[in-house]
Amino acid sequence: MQKWEYVTVPLLVHATKQILDNWGEDGWELVQVVPGPNPEQLVAYMKRPK
């Protein structure tokens, strides 16, 4: 059975692609993006195999 590790990542609206690309290069897969604590910030939920 596959096991996963998860992380939450704060995203800045003006640098979303760059941030996601950096995490993707390390093997993380985007699961969901939700609103953050303020209008200029989002939170990404990421996963990757353990």
PDB file of N, CA and C in Angstrom:
ATOM      1  N   MET A   1       0.835  -1.184   0.000  1.00  0.00           N
ATOM      2  CA  MET A   1       0.000   0.000   0.000  1.00  0.00           C
ATOM      3  C   MET A   1       0.885   1.254   0.000  1.00  0.00           C
ATOM      4  N   GLN A   2       0.564   2.180  -0.879  1.00  0.00           N
ATOM      5  CA  GLN A   2       1.340   3.428  -0.983  1.00  0.00           C
ATOM      6  C   GLN A   2       1.134   4.293   0.250  1.00  0.00           C
ATOM      7  N   LYS A   3       2.214   4.830   0.783  1.00  0.00           N
ATOM      8  CA  LYS A   3       2.151   5.783   1.897  1.00  0.00           C
ATOM      9  C   LYS A   3       2.588   7.135   1.383  1.00  0.00           C
ATOM     10  N   TRP A   4       1.984   8.192   1.928  1.00  0.00           N
ATOM     11  CA  TRP A   4       2.221   9.562   1.477  1.00  0.00           C
ATOM     12  C   TRP A   4       2.687  10.426   2.634  1.00  0.00           C
ATOM     13  N   GLU A   5       3.443  11.442   2.297  1.00  0.00           N
ATOM     14  CA  GLU A   5       3.723  12.519   3.243  1.00  0.00           C
ATOM     15  C   GLU A   5       3.101  13.782   2.673  1.00  0.00           C
ATOM     16  N   TYR A   6       2.679  14.665   3.561  1.00  0.00           N
ATOM     17  CA  TYR A   6       1.952  15.872   3.163  1.00  0.00           C
ATOM     18  C   TYR A   6       2.631  17.111   3.727  1.00  0.00           C
ATOM     19  N   VAL A   7       2.404  18.235   3.058  1.00  0.00           N
ATOM     20  CA  VAL A   7       2.924  19.519   3.527  1.00  0.00           C
ATOM     21  C   VAL A   7       1.954  20.616   3.094  1.00  0.00           C
ATOM     22  N   THR A   8       1.869  21.669   3.900  1.00  0.00           N
ATOM     23  CA  THR A   8       1.131  22.866   3.498  1.00  0.00           C
ATOM     24  C   THR A   8       2.153  23.943   3.182  1.00  0.00           C
ATOM     25  N   VAL A   9       1.889  24.675   2.109  1.00  0.00           N
ATOM     26  CA  VAL A   9       2.843  25.662   1.612  1.00  0.00           C
ATOM     27  C   VAL A   9       2.125  26.992   1.410  1.00  0.00           C
ATOM     28  N   PRO A  10       2.583  28.072   2.047  1.00  0.00           N
ATOM     29  CA  PRO A  10       1.995  29.384   1.771  1.00  0.00           C
ATOM     30  C   PRO A  10       2.392  29.840   0.366  1.00  0.00           C
ATOM     31  N   LEU A  11       1.415  30.333  -0.386  1.00  0.00           N
ATOM     32  CA  LEU A  11       1.671  30.814  -1.749  1.00  0.00           C
ATOM     33  C   LEU A  11       1.414  32.315  -1.804  1.00  0.00           C
ATOM     34  N   LEU A  12       2.331  33.034  -2.390  1.00  0.00           N
ATOM     35  CA  LEU A  12       2.122  34.454  -2.655  1.00  0.00           C
ATOM     36  C   LEU A  12       1.537  34.580  -4.052  1.00  0.00           C
ATOM     37  N   VAL A  13       0.493  35.362  -4.203  1.00  0.00           N
ATOM     38  CA  VAL A  13      -0.235  35.465  -5.465  1.00  0.00           C
ATOM     39  C   VAL A  13       0.687  35.849  -6.619  1.00  0.00           C
ATOM     40  N   HIS A  14       1.658  36.715  -6.380  1.00  0.00           N
ATOM     41  CA  HIS A  14       2.537  37.176  -7.463  1.00  0.00           C
ATOM     42  C   HIS A  14       3.651  36.174  -7.804  1.00  0.00           C
ATOM     43  N   ALA A  15       3.793  35.082  -7.025  1.00  0.00           N
ATOM     44  CA  ALA A  15       4.875  34.121  -7.285  1.00  0.00           C
ATOM     45  C   ALA A  15       4.384  32.676  -7.225  1.00  0.00           C
ATOM     46  N   THR A  16       3.104  32.459  -7.473  1.00  0.00           N
ATOM     47  CA  THR A  16       2.517  31.121  -7.328  1.00  0.00           C
ATOM     48  C   THR A  16       3.213  30.085  -8.201  1.00  0.00           C
ATOM     49  N   LYS A  17       3.394  30.378  -9.489  1.00  0.00           N
ATOM     50  CA  LYS A  17       3.997  29.406 -10.400  1.00  0.00           C
ATOM     51  C   LYS A  17       5.412  29.044  -9.975  1.00  0.00           C
ATOM     52  N   GLN A  18       6.195  30.023  -9.639  1.00  0.00           N
ATOM     53  CA  GLN A  18       7.579  29.770  -9.233  1.00  0.00           C
ATOM     54  C   GLN A  18       7.634  28.891  -7.978  1.00  0.00           C
ATOM     55  N   ILE A  19       6.795  29.170  -7.013  1.00  0.00           N
ATOM     56  CA  ILE A  19       6.772  28.387  -5.774  1.00  0.00           C
ATOM     57  C   ILE A  19       6.355  26.950  -6.061  1.00  0.00           C
ATOM     58  N   LEU A  20       5.286  26.773  -6.844  1.00  0.00           N
ATOM     59  CA  LEU A  20       4.810  25.422  -7.157  1.00  0.00           C
ATOM     60  C   LEU A  20       5.834  24.652  -7.993  1.00  0.00           C
ATOM     61  N   ASP A  21       6.494  25.320  -8.934  1.00  0.00           N
ATOM     62  CA  ASP A  21       7.532  24.667  -9.737  1.00  0.00           C
ATOM     63  C   ASP A  21       8.676  24.173  -8.858  1.00  0.00           C
ATOM     64  N   ASN A  22       9.086  24.976  -7.886  1.00  0.00           N
ATOM     65  CA  ASN A  22      10.174  24.575  -6.992  1.00  0.00           C
ATOM     66  C   ASN A  22       9.800  23.331  -6.191  1.00  0.00           C
ATOM     67  N   TRP A  23       8.597  23.298  -5.651  1.00  0.00           N
ATOM     68  CA  TRP A  23       8.154  22.127  -4.891  1.00  0.00           C
ATOM     69  C   TRP A  23       7.995  20.925  -5.818  1.00  0.00           C
ATOM     70  N   GLY A  24       7.496  21.144  -7.030  1.00  0.00           N
ATOM     71  CA  GLY A  24       7.321  20.063  -7.989  1.00  0.00           C
ATOM     72  C   GLY A  24       8.649  19.407  -8.362  1.00  0.00           C
ATOM     73  N   GLU A  25       9.708  20.197  -8.456  1.00  0.00           N
ATOM     74  CA  GLU A  25      11.025  19.649  -8.764  1.00  0.00           C
ATOM     75  C   GLU A  25      11.518  18.708  -7.664  1.00  0.00           C
ATOM     76  N   ASP A  26      11.010  18.896  -6.452  1.00  0.00           N
ATOM     77  CA  ASP A  26      11.385  18.031  -5.329  1.00  0.00           C
ATOM     78  C   ASP A  26      10.443  16.841  -5.179  1.00  0.00           C
ATOM     79  N   GLY A  27       9.550  16.646  -6.153  1.00  0.00           N
ATOM     80  CA  GLY A  27       8.685  15.471  -6.136  1.00  0.00           C
ATOM     81  C   GLY A  27       7.325  15.665  -5.503  1.00  0.00           C
ATOM     82  N   TRP A  28       6.989  16.908  -5.125  1.00  0.00           N
ATOM     83  CA  TRP A  28       5.698  17.175  -4.492  1.00  0.00           C
ATOM     84  C   TRP A  28       4.624  17.381  -5.549  1.00  0.00           C
ATOM     85  N   GLU A  29       3.443  16.833  -5.304  1.00  0.00           N
ATOM     86  CA  GLU A  29       2.293  16.953  -6.194  1.00  0.00           C
ATOM     87  C   GLU A  29       1.239  17.825  -5.524  1.00  0.00           C
ATOM     88  N   LEU A  30       0.706  18.778  -6.277  1.00  0.00           N
ATOM     89  CA  LEU A  30      -0.322  19.669  -5.754  1.00  0.00           C
ATOM     90  C   LEU A  30      -1.630  18.908  -5.595  1.00  0.00           C
ATOM     91  N   VAL A  31      -2.244  19.025  -4.411  1.00  0.00           N
ATOM     92  CA  VAL A  31      -3.522  18.386  -4.135  1.00  0.00           C
ATOM     93  C   VAL A  31      -4.640  19.424  -4.190  1.00  0.00           C
ATOM     94  N   GLN A  32      -4.434  20.561  -3.525  1.00  0.00           N
ATOM     95  CA  GLN A  32      -5.480  21.579  -3.450  1.00  0.00           C
ATOM     96  C   GLN A  32      -4.874  22.924  -3.070  1.00  0.00           C
ATOM     97  N   VAL A  33      -5.532  23.993  -3.505  1.00  0.00           N
ATOM     98  CA  VAL A  33      -5.173  25.348  -3.098  1.00  0.00           C
ATOM     99  C   VAL A  33      -6.406  25.964  -2.450  1.00  0.00           C
ATOM    100  N   VAL A  34      -6.221  26.550  -1.266  1.00  0.00           N
ATOM    101  CA  VAL A  34      -7.323  27.174  -0.535  1.00  0.00           C
ATOM    102  C   VAL A  34      -6.934  28.608  -0.166  1.00  0.00           C
ATOM    103  N   PRO A  35      -7.914  29.461   0.109  1.00  0.00           N
ATOM    104  CA  PRO A  35      -7.598  30.828   0.523  1.00  0.00           C
ATOM    105  C   PRO A  35      -6.786  30.842   1.818  1.00  0.00           C
ATOM    106  N   GLY A  36      -5.874  31.796   1.893  1.00  0.00           N
ATOM    107  CA  GLY A  36      -5.040  31.943   3.080  1.00  0.00           C
ATOM    108  C   GLY A  36      -5.626  32.935   4.062  1.00  0.00           C
ATOM    109  N   PRO A  37      -4.812  33.350   5.024  1.00  0.00           N
ATOM    110  CA  PRO A  37      -5.294  34.251   6.070  1.00  0.00           C
ATOM    111  C   PRO A  37      -5.557  35.678   5.591  1.00  0.00           C
ATOM    112  N   ASN A  38      -5.030  36.035   4.422  1.00  0.00           N
ATOM    113  CA  ASN A  38      -5.309  37.362   3.879  1.00  0.00           C
ATOM    114  C   ASN A  38      -5.511  37.240   2.368  1.00  0.00           C
ATOM    115  N   PRO A  39      -6.061  38.280   1.719  1.00  0.00           N
ATOM    116  CA  PRO A  39      -6.395  38.179   0.291  1.00  0.00           C
ATOM    117  C   PRO A  39      -5.201  37.988  -0.643  1.00  0.00           C
ATOM    118  N   GLU A  40      -4.012  38.313  -0.203  1.00  0.00           N
ATOM    119  CA  GLU A  40      -2.829  38.192  -1.065  1.00  0.00           C
ATOM    120  C   GLU A  40      -2.102  36.872  -0.868  1.00  0.00           C
ATOM    121  N   GLN A  41      -2.674  35.968  -0.087  1.00  0.00           N
ATOM    122  CA  GLN A  41      -1.987  34.705   0.188  1.00  0.00           C
ATOM    123  C   GLN A  41      -2.933  33.525   0.004  1.00  0.00           C
ATOM    124  N   LEU A  42      -2.392  32.453  -0.554  1.00  0.00           N
ATOM    125  CA  LEU A  42      -3.105  31.193  -0.695  1.00  0.00           C
ATOM    126  C   LEU A  42      -2.309  30.128   0.048  1.00  0.00           C
ATOM    127  N   VAL A  43      -2.943  28.994   0.314  1.00  0.00           N
ATOM    128  CA  VAL A  43      -2.249  27.878   0.947  1.00  0.00           C
ATOM    129  C   VAL A  43      -2.400  26.666   0.046  1.00  0.00           C
ATOM    130  N   ALA A  44      -1.275  26.042  -0.297  1.00  0.00           N
ATOM    131  CA  ALA A  44      -1.278  24.848  -1.140  1.00  0.00           C
ATOM    132  C   ALA A  44      -1.075  23.621  -0.256  1.00  0.00           C
ATOM    133  N   TYR A  45      -1.833  22.582  -0.535  1.00  0.00           N
ATOM    134  CA  TYR A  45      -1.642  21.273   0.094  1.00  0.00           C
ATOM    135  C   TYR A  45      -0.949  20.383  -0.930  1.00  0.00           C
ATOM    136  N   MET A  46       0.182  19.816  -0.534  1.00  0.00           N
ATOM    137  CA  MET A  46       1.008  19.015  -1.436  1.00  0.00           C
ATOM    138  C   MET A  46       1.204  17.631  -0.836  1.00  0.00           C
ATOM    139  N   LYS A  47       1.490  16.634  -1.716  1.00  0.00           N
ATOM    140  CA  LYS A  47       1.804  15.287  -1.241  1.00  0.00           C
ATOM    141  C   LYS A  47       2.895  14.694  -2.123  1.00  0.00           C
ATOM    142  N   ARG A  48       3.593  13.686  -1.565  1.00  0.00           N
ATOM    143  CA  ARG A  48       4.547  12.899  -2.342  1.00  0.00           C
ATOM    144  C   ARG A  48       4.694  11.537  -1.668  1.00  0.00           C
ATOM    145  N   PRO A  49       5.074  10.537  -2.448  1.00  0.00           N
ATOM    146  CA  PRO A  49       5.257   9.206  -1.863  1.00  0.00           C
ATOM    147  C   PRO A  49       6.359   9.220  -0.817  1.00  0.00           C
ATOM    148  N   LYS A  50       6.169   8.423   0.241  1.00  0.00           N
ATOM    149  CA  LYS A  50       7.209   8.288   1.274  1.00  0.00           C
ATOM    150  C   LYS A  50       8.304   7.379   0.787  1.00  0.00           C
TER     151      LYS A  50
END
